[in-house]
Amino acid sequence: EAWNEMRGLGDPAAAKKFKGARWSLLKNPENLTDEQASTL
């Protein structure tokens, strides 16, 4: 829903970057890569 809202606001770059946050949110914290932990 947040991703669709960003797209609707006309910010495709932010929406694309936020779409990549999916695994940062869904994976268990102890299994995150350094990049995913930074995103979180």
All heavy atoms as atom14 arrays in JSON, in Angstrom:
{
  "sequence": "EAWNEMRGLGDPAAAKKFKGARWSLLKNPENLTDEQASTL",
  "atom14_mask": [
    [1, 1, 1, 1, 1, 1, 1, 1, 1, 0, 0, 0, 0, 0],
    [1, 1, 1, 1, 1, 0, 0, 0, 0, 0, 0, 0, 0, 0],
    [1, 1, 1, 1, 1, 1, 1, 1, 1, 1, 1, 1, 1, 1],
    [1, 1, 1, 1, 1, 1, 1, 1, 0, 0, 0, 0, 0, 0],
    [1, 1, 1, 1, 1, 1, 1, 1, 1, 0, 0, 0, 0, 0],
    [1, 1, 1, 1, 1, 1, 1, 1, 0, 0, 0, 0, 0, 0],
    [1, 1, 1, 1, 1, 1, 1, 1, 1, 1, 1, 0, 0, 0],
    [1, 1, 1, 1, 0, 0, 0, 0, 0, 0, 0, 0, 0, 0],
    [1, 1, 1, 1, 1, 1, 1, 1, 0, 0, 0, 0, 0, 0],
    [1, 1, 1, 1, 0, 0, 0, 0, 0, 0, 0, 0, 0, 0],
    [1, 1, 1, 1, 1, 1, 1, 1, 0, 0, 0, 0, 0, 0],
    [1, 1, 1, 1, 1, 1, 1, 0, 0, 0, 0, 0, 0, 0],
    [1, 1, 1, 1, 1, 0, 0, 0, 0, 0, 0, 0, 0, 0],
    [1, 1, 1, 1, 1, 0, 0, 0, 0, 0, 0, 0, 0, 0],
    [1, 1, 1, 1, 1, 0, 0, 0, 0, 0, 0, 0, 0, 0],
    [1, 1, 1, 1, 1, 1, 1, 1, 1, 0, 0, 0, 0, 0],
    [1, 1, 1, 1, 1, 1, 1, 1, 1, 0, 0, 0, 0, 0],
    [1, 1, 1, 1, 1, 1, 1, 1, 1, 1, 1, 0, 0, 0],
    [1, 1, 1, 1, 1, 1, 1, 1, 1, 0, 0, 0, 0, 0],
    [1, 1, 1, 1, 0, 0, 0, 0, 0, 0, 0, 0, 0, 0],
    [1, 1, 1, 1, 1, 0, 0, 0, 0, 0, 0, 0, 0, 0],
    [1, 1, 1, 1, 1, 1, 1, 1, 1, 1, 1, 0, 0, 0],
    [1, 1, 1, 1, 1, 1, 1, 1, 1, 1, 1, 1, 1, 1],
    [1, 1, 1, 1, 1, 1, 0, 0, 0, 0, 0, 0, 0, 0],
    [1, 1, 1, 1, 1, 1, 1, 1, 0, 0, 0, 0, 0, 0],
    [1, 1, 1, 1, 1, 1, 1, 1, 0, 0, 0, 0, 0, 0],
    [1, 1, 1, 1, 1, 1, 1, 1, 1, 0, 0, 0, 0, 0],
    [1, 1, 1, 1, 1, 1, 1, 1, 0, 0, 0, 0, 0, 0],
    [1, 1, 1, 1, 1, 1, 1, 0, 0, 0, 0, 0, 0, 0],
    [1, 1, 1, 1, 1, 1, 1, 1, 1, 0, 0, 0, 0, 0],
    [1, 1, 1, 1, 1, 1, 1, 1, 0, 0, 0, 0, 0, 0],
    [1, 1, 1, 1, 1, 1, 1, 1, 0, 0, 0, 0, 0, 0],
    [1, 1, 1, 1, 1, 1, 1, 0, 0, 0, 0, 0, 0, 0],
    [1, 1, 1, 1, 1, 1, 1, 1, 0, 0, 0, 0, 0, 0],
    [1, 1, 1, 1, 1, 1, 1, 1, 1, 0, 0, 0, 0, 0],
    [1, 1, 1, 1, 1, 1, 1, 1, 1, 0, 0, 0, 0, 0],
    [1, 1, 1, 1, 1, 0, 0, 0, 0, 0, 0, 0, 0, 0],
    [1, 1, 1, 1, 1, 1, 0, 0, 0, 0, 0, 0, 0, 0],
    [1, 1, 1, 1, 1, 1, 1, 0, 0, 0, 0, 0, 0, 0],
    [1, 1, 1, 1, 1, 1, 1, 1, 0, 0, 0, 0, 0, 0]
  ],
  "atom14_positions": [
    [[0.83, -1.21, 0.0], [0.0, 0.0, 0.0], [0.87, 1.26, 0.0], [0.58, 2.22, -0.72], [-0.93, -0.01, 1.22], [-2.03, -1.07, 1.13], [-2.82, -1.19, 2.42], [-2.37, -0.61, 3.44], [-3.85, -1.88, 2.42], [0.0, 0.0, 0.0], [0.0, 0.0, 0.0], [0.0, 0.0, 0.0], [0.0, 0.0, 0.0], [0.0, 0.0, 0.0]],
    [[1.94, 1.23, 0.79], [2.85, 2.39, 0.83], [3.56, 2.55, -0.51], [3.76, 3.67, -0.99], [3.87, 2.21, 1.96], [0.0, 0.0, 0.0], [0.0, 0.0, 0.0], [0.0, 0.0, 0.0], [0.0, 0.0, 0.0], [0.0, 0.0, 0.0], [0.0, 0.0, 0.0], [0.0, 0.0, 0.0], [0.0, 0.0, 0.0], [0.0, 0.0, 0.0]],
    [[3.93, 1.44, -1.13], [4.59, 1.48, -2.43], [3.68, 2.07, -3.5], [4.08, 2.92, -4.29], [5.04, 0.07, -2.81], [5.63, -0.04, -4.19], [6.74, 0.6, -4.66], [5.14, -0.84, -5.26], [6.99, 0.23, -5.96], [6.02, -0.66, -6.36], [4.06, -1.72, -5.39], [5.83, -1.31, -7.57], [3.88, -2.37, -6.6], [4.75, -2.16, -7.69]],
    [[2.42, 1.63, -3.51], [1.46, 2.15, -4.47], [1.2, 3.64, -4.25], [0.99, 4.4, -5.2], [0.15, 1.37, -4.39], [0.27, -0.02, -5.0], [0.98, -0.2, -5.98], [-0.43, -0.99, -4.42], [0.0, 0.0, 0.0], [0.0, 0.0, 0.0], [0.0, 0.0, 0.0], [0.0, 0.0, 0.0], [0.0, 0.0, 0.0], [0.0, 0.0, 0.0]],
    [[1.22, 4.05, -2.98], [1.02, 5.46, -2.67], [2.18, 6.3, -3.23], [1.96, 7.39, -3.78], [0.91, 5.66, -1.16], [0.61, 7.08, -0.75], [0.46, 7.22, 0.76], [0.38, 6.19, 1.45], [0.43, 8.37, 1.23], [0.0, 0.0, 0.0], [0.0, 0.0, 0.0], [0.0, 0.0, 0.0], [0.0, 0.0, 0.0], [0.0, 0.0, 0.0]],
    [[3.4, 5.79, -3.09], [4.56, 6.51, -3.64], [4.45, 6.62, -5.16], [4.76, 7.66, -5.75], [5.85, 5.78, -3.26], [6.25, 5.92, -1.82], [7.79, 5.04, -1.47], [7.93, 5.31, 0.29], [0.0, 0.0, 0.0], [0.0, 0.0, 0.0], [0.0, 0.0, 0.0], [0.0, 0.0, 0.0], [0.0, 0.0, 0.0], [0.0, 0.0, 0.0]],
    [[4.06, 5.54, -5.8], [3.91, 5.58, -7.25], [2.85, 6.59, -7.66], [2.98, 7.3, -8.65], [3.55, 4.21, -7.79], [4.68, 3.18, -7.7], [4.45, 2.05, -8.67], [3.13, 1.44, -8.49], [2.59, 0.58, -9.34], [3.24, 0.26, -10.44], [1.4, 0.06, -9.1], [0.0, 0.0, 0.0], [0.0, 0.0, 0.0], [0.0, 0.0, 0.0]],
    [[1.76, 6.64, -6.87], [0.67, 7.57, -7.17], [1.08, 9.01, -7.0], [0.51, 9.91, -7.64], [0.0, 0.0, 0.0], [0.0, 0.0, 0.0], [0.0, 0.0, 0.0], [0.0, 0.0, 0.0], [0.0, 0.0, 0.0], [0.0, 0.0, 0.0], [0.0, 0.0, 0.0], [0.0, 0.0, 0.0], [0.0, 0.0, 0.0], [0.0, 0.0, 0.0]],
    [[2.09, 9.26, -6.15], [2.56, 10.63, -5.93], [3.56, 11.07, -7.0], [4.09, 12.18, -6.92], [3.2, 10.74, -4.54], [2.23, 10.57, -3.35], [3.01, 10.54, -2.04], [1.2, 11.69, -3.34], [0.0, 0.0, 0.0], [0.0, 0.0, 0.0], [0.0, 0.0, 0.0], [0.0, 0.0, 0.0], [0.0, 0.0, 0.0], [0.0, 0.0, 0.0]],
    [[3.83, 10.18, -7.95], [4.72, 10.56, -9.05], [6.19, 10.54, -8.7], [6.96, 11.34, -9.23], [0.0, 0.0, 0.0], [0.0, 0.0, 0.0], [0.0, 0.0, 0.0], [0.0, 0.0, 0.0], [0.0, 0.0, 0.0], [0.0, 0.0, 0.0], [0.0, 0.0, 0.0], [0.0, 0.0, 0.0], [0.0, 0.0, 0.0], [0.0, 0.0, 0.0]],
    [[6.58, 9.62, -7.79], [8.0, 9.51, -7.42], [8.45, 8.08, -7.7], [8.65, 7.28, -6.77], [8.18, 9.86, -5.94], [9.66, 10.03, -5.57], [10.51, 9.72, -6.42], [9.94, 10.47, -4.45], [0.0, 0.0, 0.0], [0.0, 0.0, 0.0], [0.0, 0.0, 0.0], [0.0, 0.0, 0.0], [0.0, 0.0, 0.0], [0.0, 0.0, 0.0]],
    [[8.63, 7.72, -8.98], [8.97, 6.34, -9.32], [10.3, 5.88, -8.75], [10.47, 4.71, -8.42], [9.0, 6.35, -10.86], [9.22, 7.78, -11.23], [8.54, 8.58, -10.17], [0.0, 0.0, 0.0], [0.0, 0.0, 0.0], [0.0, 0.0, 0.0], [0.0, 0.0, 0.0], [0.0, 0.0, 0.0], [0.0, 0.0, 0.0], [0.0, 0.0, 0.0]],
    [[11.26, 6.79, -8.62], [12.57, 6.4, -8.07], [12.44, 5.95, -6.62], [13.0, 4.92, -6.22], [13.54, 7.57, -8.18], [0.0, 0.0, 0.0], [0.0, 0.0, 0.0], [0.0, 0.0, 0.0], [0.0, 0.0, 0.0], [0.0, 0.0, 0.0], [0.0, 0.0, 0.0], [0.0, 0.0, 0.0], [0.0, 0.0, 0.0], [0.0, 0.0, 0.0]],
    [[11.7, 6.73, -5.83], [11.49, 6.36, -4.42], [10.68, 5.08, -4.31], [10.96, 4.23, -3.46], [10.79, 7.5, -3.69], [0.0, 0.0, 0.0], [0.0, 0.0, 0.0], [0.0, 0.0, 0.0], [0.0, 0.0, 0.0], [0.0, 0.0, 0.0], [0.0, 0.0, 0.0], [0.0, 0.0, 0.0], [0.0, 0.0, 0.0], [0.0, 0.0, 0.0]],
    [[9.69, 4.94, -5.2], [8.86, 3.73, -5.17], [9.69, 2.5, -5.51], [9.55, 1.45, -4.87], [7.7, 3.88, -6.16], [0.0, 0.0, 0.0], [0.0, 0.0, 0.0], [0.0, 0.0, 0.0], [0.0, 0.0, 0.0], [0.0, 0.0, 0.0], [0.0, 0.0, 0.0], [0.0, 0.0, 0.0], [0.0, 0.0, 0.0], [0.0, 0.0, 0.0]],
    [[10.58, 2.62, -6.49], [11.43, 1.49, -6.88], [12.37, 1.11, -5.74], [12.57, -0.07, -5.44], [12.23, 1.85, -8.12], [13.11, 0.71, -8.64], [13.84, 1.12, -9.9], [14.71, -0.03, -10.41], [15.43, 0.34, -11.66], [0.0, 0.0, 0.0], [0.0, 0.0, 0.0], [0.0, 0.0, 0.0], [0.0, 0.0, 0.0], [0.0, 0.0, 0.0]],
    [[12.94, 2.13, -5.09], [13.84, 1.86, -3.97], [13.1, 1.22, -2.81], [13.6, 0.31, -2.15], [14.49, 3.17, -3.53], [15.58, 3.0, -2.49], [16.25, 4.32, -2.19], [17.37, 4.15, -1.18], [18.04, 5.44, -0.87], [0.0, 0.0, 0.0], [0.0, 0.0, 0.0], [0.0, 0.0, 0.0], [0.0, 0.0, 0.0], [0.0, 0.0, 0.0]],
    [[11.88, 1.68, -2.56], [11.11, 1.13, -1.45], [10.68, -0.29, -1.73], [10.59, -1.12, -0.82], [9.88, 2.0, -1.19], [9.06, 1.54, -0.02], [9.52, 1.72, 1.27], [7.85, 0.9, -0.2], [8.78, 1.29, 2.36], [7.11, 0.47, 0.87], [7.58, 0.67, 2.16], [0.0, 0.0, 0.0], [0.0, 0.0, 0.0], [0.0, 0.0, 0.0]],
    [[10.41, -0.61, -3.01], [10.03, -1.97, -3.35], [11.12, -2.95, -2.97], [10.86, -4.08, -2.57], [9.73, -2.07, -4.85], [9.19, -3.43, -5.27], [8.88, -3.46, -6.76], [8.31, -4.82, -7.15], [8.01, -4.89, -8.61], [0.0, 0.0, 0.0], [0.0, 0.0, 0.0], [0.0, 0.0, 0.0], [0.0, 0.0, 0.0], [0.0, 0.0, 0.0]],
    [[12.36, -2.51, -3.05], [13.48, -3.38, -2.68], [13.61, -3.61, -1.19], [14.44, -4.4, -0.75], [0.0, 0.0, 0.0], [0.0, 0.0, 0.0], [0.0, 0.0, 0.0], [0.0, 0.0, 0.0], [0.0, 0.0, 0.0], [0.0, 0.0, 0.0], [0.0, 0.0, 0.0], [0.0, 0.0, 0.0], [0.0, 0.0, 0.0], [0.0, 0.0, 0.0]],
    [[12.78, -2.92, -0.4], [12.84, -3.08, 1.06], [12.04, -4.28, 1.54], [12.0, -4.54, 2.75], [12.33, -1.81, 1.74], [0.0, 0.0, 0.0], [0.0, 0.0, 0.0], [0.0, 0.0, 0.0], [0.0, 0.0, 0.0], [0.0, 0.0, 0.0], [0.0, 0.0, 0.0], [0.0, 0.0, 0.0], [0.0, 0.0, 0.0], [0.0, 0.0, 0.0]],
    [[11.43, -4.99, 0.63], [10.52, -6.07, 1.04], [11.2, -7.07, 1.97], [10.68, -7.38, 3.04], [10.0, -6.8, -0.2], [9.0, -7.89, 0.16], [8.53, -8.65, -1.06], [7.5, -9.6, -0.69], [7.35, -10.79, -1.24], [8.18, -11.17, -2.2], [6.4, -11.6, -0.85], [0.0, 0.0, 0.0], [0.0, 0.0, 0.0], [0.0, 0.0, 0.0]],
    [[12.37, -7.59, 1.57], [13.01, -8.62, 2.39], [13.6, -8.05, 3.65], [13.77, -8.76, 4.65], [14.06, -9.36, 1.56], [13.44, -10.11, 0.42], [13.61, -9.91, -0.91], [12.49, -11.18, 0.53], [12.83, -10.77, -1.64], [12.14, -11.56, -0.78], [11.9, -11.83, 1.6], [11.22, -12.58, -1.05], [10.98, -12.86, 1.35], [10.66, -13.22, 0.03]],
    [[13.92, -6.77, 3.65], [14.38, -6.14, 4.89], [13.3, -6.2, 5.96], [13.58, -6.31, 7.15], [14.78, -4.68, 4.63], [15.81, -4.6, 3.68], [0.0, 0.0, 0.0], [0.0, 0.0, 0.0], [0.0, 0.0, 0.0], [0.0, 0.0, 0.0], [0.0, 0.0, 0.0], [0.0, 0.0, 0.0], [0.0, 0.0, 0.0], [0.0, 0.0, 0.0]],
    [[12.04, -6.11, 5.53], [10.92, -6.13, 6.45], [10.48, -7.55, 6.81], [10.11, -7.82, 7.94], [9.73, -5.38, 5.84], [9.91, -3.86, 5.7], [8.84, -3.29, 4.78], [9.85, -3.18, 7.06], [0.0, 0.0, 0.0], [0.0, 0.0, 0.0], [0.0, 0.0, 0.0], [0.0, 0.0, 0.0], [0.0, 0.0, 0.0], [0.0, 0.0, 0.0]],
    [[10.52, -8.45, 5.83], [9.92, -9.78, 6.03], [10.9, -10.8, 6.62], [10.47, -11.73, 7.3], [9.35, -10.3, 4.72], [8.18, -9.5, 4.14], [7.7, -10.12, 2.83], [7.03, -9.42, 5.13], [0.0, 0.0, 0.0], [0.0, 0.0, 0.0], [0.0, 0.0, 0.0], [0.0, 0.0, 0.0], [0.0, 0.0, 0.0], [0.0, 0.0, 0.0]],
    [[12.19, -10.64, 6.36], [13.15, -11.61, 6.9], [13.34, -11.39, 8.4], [13.16, -10.29, 8.91], [14.49, -11.47, 6.18], [14.5, -12.05, 4.77], [15.79, -11.77, 4.05], [16.97, -12.49, 4.64], [18.2, -12.3, 3.81], [0.0, 0.0, 0.0], [0.0, 0.0, 0.0], [0.0, 0.0, 0.0], [0.0, 0.0, 0.0], [0.0, 0.0, 0.0]],
    [[13.73, -12.45, 9.09], [14.06, -12.32, 10.51], [15.3, -11.43, 10.65], [16.23, -11.53, 9.84], [14.31, -13.68, 11.13], [13.06, -14.55, 11.11], [11.95, -14.05, 10.94], [13.24, -15.85, 11.25], [0.0, 0.0, 0.0], [0.0, 0.0, 0.0], [0.0, 0.0, 0.0], [0.0, 0.0, 0.0], [0.0, 0.0, 0.0], [0.0, 0.0, 0.0]],
    [[15.34, -10.56, 11.65], [16.46, -9.62, 11.79], [17.82, -10.3, 11.77], [18.78, -9.75, 11.23], [16.19, -8.95, 13.13], [14.72, -9.08, 13.33], [14.33, -10.39, 12.71], [0.0, 0.0, 0.0], [0.0, 0.0, 0.0], [0.0, 0.0, 0.0], [0.0, 0.0, 0.0], [0.0, 0.0, 0.0], [0.0, 0.0, 0.0], [0.0, 0.0, 0.0]],
    [[17.93, -11.49, 12.38], [19.23, -12.16, 12.45], [19.69, -12.69, 11.1], [20.86, -13.08, 10.95], [19.18, -13.3, 13.48], [18.18, -14.41, 13.16], [16.8, -14.13, 13.72], [16.5, -12.97, 14.06], [16.02, -15.1, 13.82], [0.0, 0.0, 0.0], [0.0, 0.0, 0.0], [0.0, 0.0, 0.0], [0.0, 0.0, 0.0], [0.0, 0.0, 0.0]],
    [[18.79, -12.72, 10.12], [19.14, -13.25, 8.79], [19.37, -12.16, 7.75], [19.6, -12.46, 6.58], [18.04, -14.19, 8.3], [17.88, -15.41, 9.18], [18.85, -15.88, 9.79], [16.68, -15.93, 9.28], [0.0, 0.0, 0.0], [0.0, 0.0, 0.0], [0.0, 0.0, 0.0], [0.0, 0.0, 0.0], [0.0, 0.0, 0.0], [0.0, 0.0, 0.0]],
    [[19.32, -10.9, 8.16], [19.46, -9.8, 7.21], [20.91, -9.65, 6.75], [21.86, -9.85, 7.52], [19.01, -8.49, 7.85], [17.53, -8.34, 8.2], [17.29, -7.01, 8.9], [16.65, -8.45, 6.97], [0.0, 0.0, 0.0], [0.0, 0.0, 0.0], [0.0, 0.0, 0.0], [0.0, 0.0, 0.0], [0.0, 0.0, 0.0], [0.0, 0.0, 0.0]],
    [[21.07, -9.28, 5.49], [22.4, -8.9, 5.01], [22.7, -7.49, 5.54], [21.82, -6.81, 6.07], [22.43, -8.87, 3.48], [21.53, -7.86, 3.0], [22.01, -10.22, 2.9], [0.0, 0.0, 0.0], [0.0, 0.0, 0.0], [0.0, 0.0, 0.0], [0.0, 0.0, 0.0], [0.0, 0.0, 0.0], [0.0, 0.0, 0.0], [0.0, 0.0, 0.0]],
    [[23.95, -7.06, 5.39], [24.32, -5.71, 5.86], [23.49, -4.65, 5.15], [23.04, -3.68, 5.79], [25.81, -5.47, 5.61], [26.7, -6.32, 6.5], [26.18, -6.84, 7.51], [27.88, -6.48, 6.18], [0.0, 0.0, 0.0], [0.0, 0.0, 0.0], [0.0, 0.0, 0.0], [0.0, 0.0, 0.0], [0.0, 0.0, 0.0], [0.0, 0.0, 0.0]],
    [[23.28, -4.82, 3.86], [22.5, -3.83, 3.1], [21.04, -3.81, 3.56], [20.43, -2.75, 3.7], [22.57, -4.15, 1.61], [21.85, -3.13, 0.74], [21.97, -3.42, -0.74], [22.71, -4.36, -1.1], [21.33, -2.73, -1.54], [0.0, 0.0, 0.0], [0.0, 0.0, 0.0], [0.0, 0.0, 0.0], [0.0, 0.0, 0.0], [0.0, 0.0, 0.0]],
    [[20.47, -4.99, 3.8], [19.09, -5.06, 4.26], [18.94, -4.47, 5.66], [17.96, -3.78, 5.95], [18.62, -6.51, 4.24], [18.44, -7.07, 2.84], [18.29, -8.58, 2.82], [18.6, -9.27, 3.79], [17.79, -9.1, 1.7], [0.0, 0.0, 0.0], [0.0, 0.0, 0.0], [0.0, 0.0, 0.0], [0.0, 0.0, 0.0], [0.0, 0.0, 0.0]],
    [[19.92, -4.71, 6.52], [19.89, -4.14, 7.87], [19.95, -2.62, 7.8], [19.27, -1.92, 8.57], [21.04, -4.69, 8.71], [0.0, 0.0, 0.0], [0.0, 0.0, 0.0], [0.0, 0.0, 0.0], [0.0, 0.0, 0.0], [0.0, 0.0, 0.0], [0.0, 0.0, 0.0], [0.0, 0.0, 0.0], [0.0, 0.0, 0.0], [0.0, 0.0, 0.0]],
    [[20.77, -2.09, 6.88], [20.86, -0.64, 6.7], [19.52, -0.07, 6.23], [19.08, 0.98, 6.72], [21.95, -0.32, 5.68], [21.99, 1.07, 5.42], [0.0, 0.0, 0.0], [0.0, 0.0, 0.0], [0.0, 0.0, 0.0], [0.0, 0.0, 0.0], [0.0, 0.0, 0.0], [0.0, 0.0, 0.0], [0.0, 0.0, 0.0], [0.0, 0.0, 0.0]],
    [[18.86, -0.78, 5.31], [17.55, -0.34, 4.83], [16.54, -0.33, 5.97], [15.74, 0.6, 6.09], [17.05, -1.27, 3.71], [17.97, -1.22, 2.61], [15.66, -0.86, 3.22], [0.0, 0.0, 0.0], [0.0, 0.0, 0.0], [0.0, 0.0, 0.0], [0.0, 0.0, 0.0], [0.0, 0.0, 0.0], [0.0, 0.0, 0.0], [0.0, 0.0, 0.0]],
    [[16.6, -1.35, 6.82], [15.67, -1.42, 7.95], [15.89, -0.26, 8.92], [14.93, 0.3, 9.44], [15.84, -2.76, 8.67], [14.79, -3.09, 9.73], [13.4, -3.2, 9.09], [15.14, -4.37, 10.47], [0.0, 0.0, 0.0], [0.0, 0.0, 0.0], [0.0, 0.0, 0.0], [0.0, 0.0, 0.0], [0.0, 0.0, 0.0], [0.0, 0.0, 0.0]]
  ]
}
